[in-house]
Protein backbone atom coordinates (compact mmCIF):
# COMPACT_ATOMS: atom_id res chain seq x y z
CA UNK A 1 0.00 0.00 0.00
CA UNK A 2 1.39 3.40 -0.99
CA UNK A 3 1.71 5.91 1.87
CA UNK A 4 -0.60 8.92 1.67
CA UNK A 5 2.30 11.33 1.20
CA UNK A 6 3.50 9.42 -1.87
CA UNK A 7 0.18 9.46 -3.71
CA UNK A 8 0.76 12.78 -5.53
CA UNK A 9 -2.16 14.43 -3.74
CA UNK A 10 -2.60 18.18 -4.16
CA UNK A 11 -1.98 19.90 -0.84
CA UNK A 12 -1.29 23.36 -2.32
CA UNK A 13 -4.52 24.87 -0.98
CA UNK A 14 -3.62 24.19 2.65
CA UNK A 15 -2.06 26.54 5.17
CA UNK A 16 0.26 25.00 7.78
CA UNK A 17 1.83 26.70 10.80
CA UNK A 18 5.02 25.21 12.31
CA UNK A 19 5.83 26.37 15.84
CA UNK A 20 9.22 25.74 17.44
CA UNK A 21 11.67 27.93 19.38
CA UNK A 22 14.71 26.26 17.75
CA UNK A 23 15.27 27.79 14.29
CA UNK A 24 17.05 24.72 12.87
CA UNK A 25 13.99 22.60 13.72
CA UNK A 26 11.83 24.91 11.63
CA UNK A 27 14.29 24.64 8.73
CA UNK A 28 14.25 20.83 8.98
CA UNK A 29 10.44 20.77 9.01
CA UNK A 30 10.35 23.04 5.96
CA UNK A 31 12.78 20.77 4.09
CA UNK A 32 10.93 17.58 5.07
CA UNK A 33 7.60 19.00 3.95
CA UNK A 34 8.75 20.78 0.78
CA UNK A 35 7.14 18.12 -1.45
CA UNK A 36 3.65 19.08 -0.21
CA UNK A 37 3.75 22.54 -1.80
CA UNK A 38 1.44 24.08 0.79
CA UNK A 39 1.77 27.48 2.41
CA UNK A 40 4.01 27.00 5.45
CA UNK A 41 4.36 29.74 8.04
CA UNK A 42 6.48 29.58 11.18
CA UNK A 43 6.38 30.95 14.71
CA UNK A 44 9.12 30.88 17.35
CA UNK A 45 6.92 30.45 20.43
CA UNK A 46 3.36 29.87 21.55
CA UNK A 47 2.42 33.54 21.85
CA UNK A 48 3.62 34.23 18.28
CA UNK A 49 1.68 31.14 17.18
CA UNK A 50 -1.53 32.56 18.67
CA UNK A 51 -0.89 35.85 16.86
CA UNK A 52 -0.30 33.97 13.59
CA UNK A 53 -3.51 31.96 14.06
CA UNK A 54 -5.48 35.16 14.69
CA UNK A 55 -4.06 36.72 11.51
CA UNK A 56 -4.79 33.68 9.31
CA UNK A 57 -6.30 30.46 10.64
CA UNK A 58 -4.18 27.49 9.51
CA UNK A 59 -5.52 24.09 8.49
CA UNK A 60 -2.81 22.36 10.53
CA UNK A 61 -0.40 23.33 13.30
CA UNK A 62 2.87 21.46 13.89
CA UNK A 63 3.56 22.33 17.50
CA UNK A 64 6.55 21.98 19.80
CA UNK A 65 5.74 21.74 23.51
CA UNK A 66 8.81 23.15 25.29
CA UNK A 67 9.00 26.82 24.35
CA UNK A 68 9.50 30.13 26.15
CA UNK A 69 6.71 32.70 26.60
CA UNK A 70 3.89 30.15 26.11
CA UNK A 71 4.38 26.40 25.89
CA UNK A 72 2.62 24.11 23.46
CA UNK A 73 0.23 22.69 26.07
CA UNK A 74 -1.13 26.19 26.71
CA UNK A 75 -1.43 26.83 22.96
CA UNK A 76 -3.57 23.72 22.58
CA UNK A 77 -5.68 24.65 25.60
CA UNK A 78 -6.38 28.14 24.25
CA UNK A 79 -7.09 26.94 20.70
CA UNK A 80 -9.51 24.25 21.86
CA UNK A 81 -11.29 26.72 24.19
CA UNK A 82 -12.10 29.07 21.30
CA UNK A 83 -14.93 27.92 18.99
CA UNK A 84 -13.25 29.68 16.03
CA UNK A 85 -10.03 27.67 16.41
CA UNK A 86 -11.23 24.50 18.16
CA UNK A 87 -11.26 22.50 14.92
CA UNK A 88 -7.71 23.23 13.77
CA UNK A 89 -5.74 19.98 13.37
CA UNK A 90 -2.72 19.89 15.73
CA UNK A 91 0.29 17.58 15.51
CA UNK A 92 2.70 17.81 18.43
CA UNK A 93 6.40 17.53 17.54
CA UNK A 94 8.28 17.27 20.82
CA UNK A 95 11.30 15.87 22.61
CA UNK A 96 8.97 15.27 25.57
CA UNK A 97 8.16 11.60 25.26
CA UNK A 98 6.94 10.39 28.64
CA UNK A 99 3.57 8.68 28.76
CA UNK A 100 2.27 11.55 30.91
CA UNK A 101 3.28 14.16 28.30
CA UNK A 102 1.79 12.17 25.43
CA UNK A 103 -1.46 11.50 27.29
CA UNK A 104 -1.69 15.17 28.35
CA UNK A 105 -1.21 16.28 24.74
CA UNK A 106 -4.02 14.05 23.52
CA UNK A 107 -6.28 14.96 26.45
CA UNK A 108 -5.88 18.65 25.65
CA UNK A 109 -6.90 17.95 22.06
CA UNK A 110 -3.84 17.14 19.94
CA UNK A 111 -4.62 15.02 16.88
CA UNK A 112 -1.23 13.31 16.72
CA UNK A 113 2.03 13.22 18.71
CA UNK A 114 5.43 12.72 17.08
CA UNK A 115 8.52 12.52 19.26
CA UNK A 116 11.84 14.09 18.32
CA UNK A 117 14.09 13.31 16.62
CA UNK A 118 11.50 13.41 13.87
CA UNK A 119 11.34 10.44 11.52
CA UNK A 120 10.57 11.97 8.13
CA UNK A 121 8.18 9.25 6.94
CA UNK A 122 6.15 9.51 10.15
CA UNK A 123 5.89 13.29 9.80
CA UNK A 124 4.95 13.07 6.12
CA UNK A 125 2.28 10.46 6.76
CA UNK A 126 0.85 12.34 9.74
CA UNK A 127 0.66 15.64 7.84
CA UNK A 128 -0.96 13.97 4.82
CA UNK A 129 -3.50 12.21 7.04
CA UNK A 130 -4.35 15.34 9.03
CA UNK A 131 -4.80 17.47 5.90
CA UNK A 132 -7.07 14.86 4.37
CA UNK A 133 -9.14 14.90 7.57
CA UNK A 134 -9.57 18.69 7.22
CA UNK A 135 -12.04 17.98 4.39
CA UNK A 136 -14.15 15.50 6.35
């Protein structure tokens, strides 16, 4: 069976926001996802992510958890509490990998959880799946 990301699907109409306080992580995400050809914006912390969401609601957020100013858990909590942003798909990308952190992420409303270091195929498949779910 061919993975979703390899099926030449058109993702160009989607808007994705990547949030991470480590610039090289954002560069790596951009390189890994270049084949999707969607609009990819970045934010360096949770507060900047909330500002970016208010300016233009993304279809998907790729969200780190450990960040200054506002962590990823708080970003999820605030997004899910607002009816205008509650439906945004969220994939956590984090070095936090304890069962408690993963369960907390899902309980707050994350749609997927990928631990760092990021395995490219897992990220590609998760992004493709989440963007397809946007239409359902």
